[in-house]
Amino acid sequence: MVVRDVKLGWVGLLALSLVACGDSEASRDTSGDDTPDVSGETQDTPDAEADGDPADAPDMGDVPDDAGPDASPDSGDDTTADAEDVAPDSTEDALEDAADDTTDDTTDVAGDDATADVAEDVAPDTTEPTTCAQLGASTCLVNSNCAVGETCQPPEPGSGVGCCLPGAPGEGQVGVPCAQDADCAFGKCLSRDDGAKFCSGDCGSDLDCPGFMLCSDLFGWCYPKDSDWQPSTCAEASLDQCFYNDNCDDADRCEDIGAAPTELLCCTPGPRGTAPTGAPCAAHTDCAFGRCLGGQCSDLCAPGADPCPAAGMACNDLKGLCEPL
């Protein structure tokens, strides 16, 4: 009886131990079936632990896939990837732009300005002055606008306005042919419509100018008339009348300035001819005497007392000149 009781006692203890082990395993299985949260941390299931029955634990398989452990890493990876796509490019572009700007600024400041300063310090300014202000002179139109000892000179060829600069005036008087302003005493050499040039001068009316020039009401200067203008008298051309060279000053000659068939003999500046009496000629200016009649150089004569020296010519009693027979 005692033995039986002892056996039953050991059997009971063994049974209790097995039951206890089973409960422990069940408890470990239940507690081991943890449900991860979105952040990946393990949470225990309170109901399973309290009841000791794994079947009573809530079904966590209904948790949405995008809320499970994979959702957080994927979302984090995508966001990080997007940030990486933007951040490196933006950073590189910003650095490149900053580097370019710095380089440009450095080049502008240290390059152009420094080079310009060095060039200015080293190379002298060789630019020719083109204005009166650069020359330190006052502006003018004619010599009378300048002080004594100065003449009106253009700062550069073709300039309409001159500058008062040291110099002596030209000698050409009004109406005299010229090539440039410096040739004229007045300081103005004006062109005619055919390109011929003549010295100008002050005037108050046409009477103050040579006959082939007019007085400008705007400037009060003498301007040449058109080339087709023909004077009717030597006075209109501001010239002296003549019949041969000896009627003119030594520097002048007797020339026909009239329009054919009208003859107008006037003293004009220029060299005299050299052909003797009786020599062939085409114009008065070819002959030493200054008259060409019938294609031969003429000379003075008097009937009976001073016959024509050349053979083949006779003295015209009315004109007092030798003419071909």
Protein backbone atom coordinates (compact mmCIF):
# COMPACT_ATOMS: atom_id res chain seq x y z
CA MET A 1 0.00 0.00 0.00
CA VAL A 2 2.78 2.26 0.86
CA VAL A 3 4.58 1.28 -2.29
CA ARG A 4 1.55 1.91 -4.39
CA ASP A 5 1.08 5.27 -2.80
CA VAL A 6 4.70 6.07 -3.49
CA LYS A 7 4.35 5.02 -7.10
CA LEU A 8 1.22 7.04 -7.46
CA GLY A 9 3.06 9.94 -5.91
CA TRP A 10 5.87 9.74 -8.45
CA VAL A 11 3.42 9.26 -11.24
CA GLY A 12 1.50 12.30 -10.11
CA LEU A 13 4.63 14.38 -9.93
CA LEU A 14 5.68 13.22 -13.40
CA ALA A 15 2.26 14.07 -14.79
CA LEU A 16 2.32 17.48 -13.21
CA SER A 17 5.79 18.06 -14.60
CA LEU A 18 4.67 17.14 -18.12
CA VAL A 19 1.67 19.40 -17.80
CA ALA A 20 3.90 22.18 -16.60
CA CYS A 21 6.28 21.64 -19.48
CA GLY A 22 3.43 21.70 -21.92
CA ASP A 23 2.15 24.96 -20.49
CA SER A 24 5.63 26.40 -20.68
CA GLU A 25 6.00 25.39 -24.33
CA ALA A 26 2.57 26.76 -25.12
CA SER A 27 3.44 29.92 -23.32
CA ARG A 28 6.74 30.21 -25.26
CA ASP A 29 5.01 29.55 -28.59
CA THR A 30 2.38 32.15 -27.84
CA SER A 31 4.82 34.72 -26.59
CA GLY A 32 7.15 33.95 -29.53
CA ASP A 33 4.43 34.76 -32.07
CA ASP A 34 5.06 38.49 -31.80
CA THR A 35 3.52 41.02 -34.17
CA PRO A 36 6.03 43.59 -35.50
CA ASP A 37 4.80 47.14 -35.70
CA VAL A 38 5.48 49.54 -38.53
CA SER A 39 8.74 50.58 -36.96
CA GLY A 40 10.00 46.98 -36.78
CA GLU A 41 9.85 46.67 -32.91
CA THR A 42 8.40 43.46 -31.31
CA GLN A 43 5.17 43.80 -29.29
CA ASP A 44 3.75 41.05 -27.02
CA THR A 45 0.15 39.96 -27.38
CA PRO A 46 -1.55 40.62 -24.02
CA ASP A 47 -4.61 38.36 -24.55
CA ALA A 48 -2.60 35.24 -25.38
CA GLU A 49 -0.41 35.67 -22.38
CA ALA A 50 -3.36 36.16 -20.05
CA ASP A 51 -5.48 33.24 -21.23
CA GLY A 52 -2.60 30.88 -21.97
CA ASP A 53 -4.36 29.84 -25.18
CA PRO A 54 -2.55 30.58 -28.44
CA ALA A 55 -5.79 30.29 -30.39
CA ASP A 56 -7.23 33.32 -28.59
CA ALA A 57 -4.41 35.60 -29.88
CA PRO A 58 -5.65 38.17 -32.44
CA ASP A 59 -4.88 37.49 -36.09
CA MET A 60 -2.20 40.02 -37.02
CA GLY A 61 -2.07 38.78 -40.58
CA ASP A 62 -4.74 41.34 -41.46
CA VAL A 63 -2.21 44.15 -41.09
CA PRO A 64 -1.89 45.88 -44.53
CA ASP A 65 1.23 45.07 -46.48
CA ASP A 66 2.23 48.71 -46.78
CA ALA A 67 2.01 49.08 -43.00
CA GLY A 68 4.26 46.11 -42.33
CA PRO A 69 7.99 45.95 -41.90
CA ASP A 70 8.61 46.34 -45.66
CA ALA A 71 6.60 49.57 -45.94
CA SER A 72 8.84 51.65 -43.76
CA PRO A 73 12.13 50.60 -45.38
CA ASP A 74 10.74 51.00 -48.92
CA SER A 75 9.34 54.42 -48.15
CA GLY A 76 12.55 55.45 -46.52
CA ASP A 77 14.65 54.11 -49.39
CA ASP A 78 12.56 55.88 -52.05
CA THR A 79 12.62 59.16 -50.18
CA THR A 80 16.33 58.85 -49.59
CA ALA A 81 16.89 57.99 -53.26
CA ASP A 82 14.88 60.97 -54.42
CA ALA A 83 16.79 63.19 -52.08
CA GLU A 84 20.01 61.77 -53.40
CA ASP A 85 18.90 62.43 -56.99
CA VAL A 86 18.18 66.07 -56.18
CA ALA A 87 20.79 66.88 -53.61
CA PRO A 88 23.95 65.79 -55.47
CA ASP A 89 22.94 67.48 -58.73
CA SER A 90 21.82 70.64 -56.96
CA THR A 91 24.98 70.72 -54.91
CA GLU A 92 27.21 70.10 -57.94
CA ASP A 93 25.38 72.75 -60.02
CA ALA A 94 25.57 75.25 -57.18
CA LEU A 95 29.27 74.60 -56.74
CA GLU A 96 29.91 74.86 -60.49
CA ASP A 97 27.91 78.11 -60.73
CA ALA A 98 29.71 79.53 -57.73
CA ALA A 99 33.05 78.51 -59.21
CA ASP A 100 32.17 80.05 -62.60
CA ASP A 101 30.96 83.28 -60.99
CA THR A 102 34.07 83.46 -58.87
CA THR A 103 36.27 82.81 -61.89
CA ASP A 104 34.43 85.43 -63.98
CA ASP A 105 34.57 87.99 -61.20
CA THR A 106 38.22 87.26 -60.61
CA THR A 107 38.94 87.55 -64.33
CA ASP A 108 37.02 90.81 -64.60
CA VAL A 109 38.65 92.35 -61.59
CA ALA A 110 42.11 90.94 -61.69
CA GLY A 111 42.32 90.43 -65.46
CA ASP A 112 40.72 93.22 -67.49
CA ASP A 113 41.11 96.02 -64.98
CA ALA A 114 44.63 95.06 -64.02
CA THR A 115 45.65 94.65 -67.65
CA ALA A 116 44.04 97.96 -68.59
CA ASP A 117 45.75 99.75 -65.70
CA VAL A 118 49.12 98.27 -66.60
CA ALA A 119 48.61 99.11 -70.30
CA GLU A 120 47.68 102.70 -69.46
CA ASP A 121 50.71 103.05 -67.20
CA VAL A 122 53.11 101.51 -69.71
CA ALA A 123 51.80 102.50 -73.18
CA PRO A 124 51.51 106.24 -73.90
CA ASP A 125 48.35 107.61 -75.52
CA THR A 126 49.13 108.04 -79.21
CA THR A 127 45.60 109.01 -80.30
CA GLU A 128 45.61 112.14 -82.42
CA PRO A 129 43.34 114.92 -81.09
CA THR A 130 40.31 115.49 -83.31
CA THR A 131 38.52 118.35 -81.55
CA CYS A 132 39.42 121.89 -80.59
CA ALA A 133 38.78 121.05 -76.93
CA GLN A 134 41.41 118.30 -77.09
CA LEU A 135 43.81 120.79 -78.64
CA GLY A 136 42.99 123.41 -76.03
CA ALA A 137 41.90 125.87 -78.75
CA SER A 138 38.77 127.90 -79.46
CA THR A 139 36.55 127.14 -82.47
CA CYS A 140 36.38 129.34 -85.57
CA LEU A 141 35.13 129.59 -89.15
CA VAL A 142 37.52 132.14 -90.65
CA ASN A 143 40.78 133.82 -89.67
CA SER A 144 39.04 136.93 -88.39
CA ASN A 145 37.55 134.81 -85.56
CA CYS A 146 41.02 134.22 -84.13
CA ALA A 147 43.51 136.35 -82.26
CA VAL A 148 46.57 137.94 -83.84
CA GLY A 149 49.18 135.32 -84.62
CA GLU A 150 46.56 132.60 -85.05
CA THR A 151 44.72 131.24 -88.07
CA CYS A 152 41.61 129.10 -88.41
CA GLN A 153 42.75 125.56 -89.13
CA PRO A 154 40.73 122.32 -89.28
CA PRO A 155 41.60 119.80 -86.50
CA GLU A 156 41.41 117.03 -89.13
CA PRO A 157 40.89 116.93 -92.92
CA GLY A 158 37.32 117.59 -94.01
CA SER A 159 36.26 119.17 -90.73
CA GLY A 160 33.76 121.99 -91.21
CA VAL A 161 34.70 123.83 -88.02
CA GLY A 162 38.26 125.02 -87.45
CA CYS A 163 40.41 125.72 -84.44
CA CYS A 164 42.38 128.88 -83.71
CA LEU A 165 45.98 127.68 -83.81
CA PRO A 166 49.30 129.49 -84.18
CA GLY A 167 50.15 130.27 -87.79
CA ALA A 168 50.37 132.90 -90.54
CA PRO A 169 47.44 133.50 -92.93
CA GLY A 170 47.64 132.83 -96.67
CA GLU A 171 48.14 135.59 -99.27
CA GLY A 172 45.25 134.87 -101.65
CA GLN A 173 42.70 137.66 -101.88
CA VAL A 174 39.01 137.28 -102.63
CA GLY A 175 38.39 135.76 -106.07
CA VAL A 176 41.88 134.29 -106.45
CA PRO A 177 42.07 130.55 -107.32
CA CYS A 178 43.08 128.37 -104.37
CA ALA A 179 43.52 124.78 -103.31
CA GLN A 180 42.87 124.98 -99.55
CA ASP A 181 41.82 127.39 -96.80
CA ALA A 182 45.43 128.04 -95.83
CA ASP A 183 46.03 129.65 -99.26
CA CYS A 184 43.60 132.50 -98.53
CA ALA A 185 44.03 135.60 -96.40
CA PHE A 186 40.40 135.27 -95.32
CA GLY A 187 40.87 131.64 -94.42
CA LYS A 188 38.19 130.18 -96.72
CA CYS A 189 38.68 128.48 -100.09
CA LEU A 190 35.25 127.79 -101.60
CA SER A 191 34.36 125.41 -104.44
CA ARG A 192 32.34 126.19 -107.54
CA ASP A 193 29.91 123.69 -109.10
CA ASP A 194 32.57 122.46 -111.51
CA GLY A 195 35.14 121.90 -108.73
CA ALA A 196 37.14 125.08 -109.28
CA LYS A 197 38.05 126.83 -106.02
CA PHE A 198 38.40 130.52 -105.15
CA CYS A 199 39.31 132.50 -102.06
CA SER A 200 36.38 134.07 -100.27
CA GLY A 201 36.13 137.30 -98.30
CA ASP A 202 33.83 139.45 -96.16
CA CYS A 203 30.98 141.23 -97.92
CA GLY A 204 27.84 143.25 -97.28
CA SER A 205 26.46 143.06 -100.82
CA ASP A 206 27.32 141.65 -104.25
CA LEU A 207 29.24 144.84 -105.04
CA ASP A 208 31.83 143.82 -102.43
CA CYS A 209 32.59 140.60 -104.32
CA PRO A 210 34.17 139.92 -107.72
CA GLY A 211 31.69 139.73 -110.63
CA PHE A 212 31.77 135.93 -110.74
CA MET A 213 30.92 135.75 -107.03
CA LEU A 214 27.85 136.56 -104.96
CA CYS A 215 27.53 137.75 -101.37
CA SER A 216 25.90 135.21 -99.06
CA ASP A 217 23.22 136.77 -96.84
CA LEU A 218 23.70 133.99 -94.29
CA PHE A 219 27.44 134.24 -93.65
CA GLY A 220 28.40 137.53 -95.30
CA TRP A 221 31.00 135.73 -97.43
CA CYS A 222 31.65 135.86 -101.17
CA TYR A 223 30.63 132.64 -102.95
CA PRO A 224 31.50 131.66 -106.56
CA LYS A 225 28.72 131.75 -109.12
CA ASP A 226 28.02 128.66 -111.23
CA SER A 227 30.55 127.76 -113.88
CA ASP A 228 28.14 128.60 -116.73
CA TRP A 229 27.90 132.20 -115.59
CA GLN A 230 29.44 134.63 -118.06
CA PRO A 231 30.31 138.23 -117.21
CA SER A 232 29.31 140.98 -119.60
CA THR A 233 32.14 143.27 -118.48
CA CYS A 234 35.56 142.85 -116.89
CA ALA A 235 34.26 144.76 -113.85
CA GLU A 236 31.68 142.02 -113.18
CA ALA A 237 34.57 139.64 -112.93
CA SER A 238 36.56 142.11 -110.83
CA LEU A 239 39.16 142.31 -113.57
CA ASP A 240 40.74 145.15 -115.50
CA GLN A 241 39.97 145.56 -119.17
CA CYS A 242 42.83 145.23 -121.66
CA PHE A 243 43.71 145.02 -125.37
CA TYR A 244 47.14 143.35 -125.08
CA ASN A 245 49.59 142.26 -122.39
CA ASP A 246 51.22 145.59 -121.81
CA ASN A 247 47.89 146.93 -120.52
CA CYS A 248 48.12 144.56 -117.51
CA ASP A 249 50.39 144.21 -114.52
CA ASP A 250 53.55 142.23 -114.98
CA ALA A 251 52.03 139.18 -113.21
CA ASP A 252 48.92 139.26 -115.42
CA ARG A 253 48.15 138.65 -119.08
CA CYS A 254 45.42 139.83 -121.45
CA GLU A 255 42.89 137.02 -121.90
CA ASP A 256 39.54 136.67 -123.63
CA ILE A 257 37.05 135.55 -120.94
CA GLY A 258 33.91 136.24 -122.98
CA ALA A 259 31.57 133.60 -124.36
CA ALA A 260 31.94 133.19 -128.10
CA PRO A 261 31.22 134.95 -130.30
CA THR A 262 31.47 137.86 -127.82
CA GLU A 263 35.05 138.85 -127.02
CA LEU A 264 35.85 140.21 -123.57
CA LEU A 265 39.52 140.97 -123.00
CA CYS A 266 40.50 141.23 -119.34
CA CYS A 267 43.69 141.06 -117.31
CA THR A 268 43.89 137.69 -115.60
CA PRO A 269 46.60 136.19 -113.38
CA GLY A 270 48.92 133.84 -115.24
CA PRO A 271 52.02 133.52 -117.40
CA ARG A 272 52.20 135.26 -120.75
CA GLY A 273 52.85 133.59 -124.09
CA THR A 274 56.22 133.65 -125.84
CA ALA A 275 55.39 133.30 -129.56
CA PRO A 276 56.71 136.29 -131.67
CA THR A 277 54.81 138.36 -134.19
CA GLY A 278 53.73 136.31 -137.20
CA ALA A 279 54.04 132.93 -135.40
CA PRO A 280 51.11 130.55 -135.53
CA CYS A 281 48.76 130.71 -132.55
CA ALA A 282 45.43 129.43 -131.26
CA ALA A 283 44.73 131.90 -128.44
CA HIS A 284 45.82 135.33 -127.25
CA THR A 285 47.70 133.75 -124.37
CA ASP A 286 50.05 132.00 -126.85
CA CYS A 287 51.60 135.27 -128.01
CA ALA A 288 54.20 137.49 -126.36
CA PHE A 289 52.22 140.54 -127.47
CA GLY A 290 48.98 139.07 -126.22
CA ARG A 291 46.89 139.07 -129.40
CA CYS A 292 46.27 136.26 -131.85
CA LEU A 293 44.63 137.45 -135.09
CA GLY A 294 43.78 135.13 -137.93
CA GLY A 295 45.92 132.34 -136.50
CA GLN A 296 49.07 134.51 -136.22
CA CYS A 297 50.52 136.46 -133.34
CA SER A 298 50.00 140.18 -133.87
CA ASP A 299 51.75 143.37 -132.78
CA LEU A 300 51.30 147.13 -132.80
CA CYS A 301 51.79 148.98 -136.05
CA ALA A 302 51.30 152.35 -137.73
CA PRO A 303 50.65 152.79 -141.48
CA GLY A 304 53.77 153.93 -143.31
CA ALA A 305 55.69 154.81 -140.18
CA ASP A 306 55.76 151.46 -138.40
CA PRO A 307 54.94 148.67 -140.82
CA CYS A 308 54.36 145.10 -139.60
CA PRO A 309 57.73 143.38 -139.14
CA ALA A 310 56.57 139.97 -140.34
CA ALA A 311 56.15 139.12 -143.98
CA GLY A 312 52.67 138.22 -145.05
CA MET A 313 51.08 140.66 -142.60
CA ALA A 314 49.75 144.19 -143.02
CA CYS A 315 48.87 146.94 -140.62
CA ASN A 316 45.18 147.48 -139.94
CA ASP A 317 44.92 151.27 -139.83
CA LEU A 318 41.71 151.20 -137.80
CA LYS A 319 42.92 148.76 -135.15
CA GLY A 320 46.61 149.67 -135.29
CA LEU A 321 47.46 145.97 -135.30
CA CYS A 322 49.21 143.65 -137.68
CA GLU A 323 46.91 141.17 -139.39
CA PRO A 324 47.55 138.40 -141.92
CA LEU A 325 47.10 139.47 -145.58
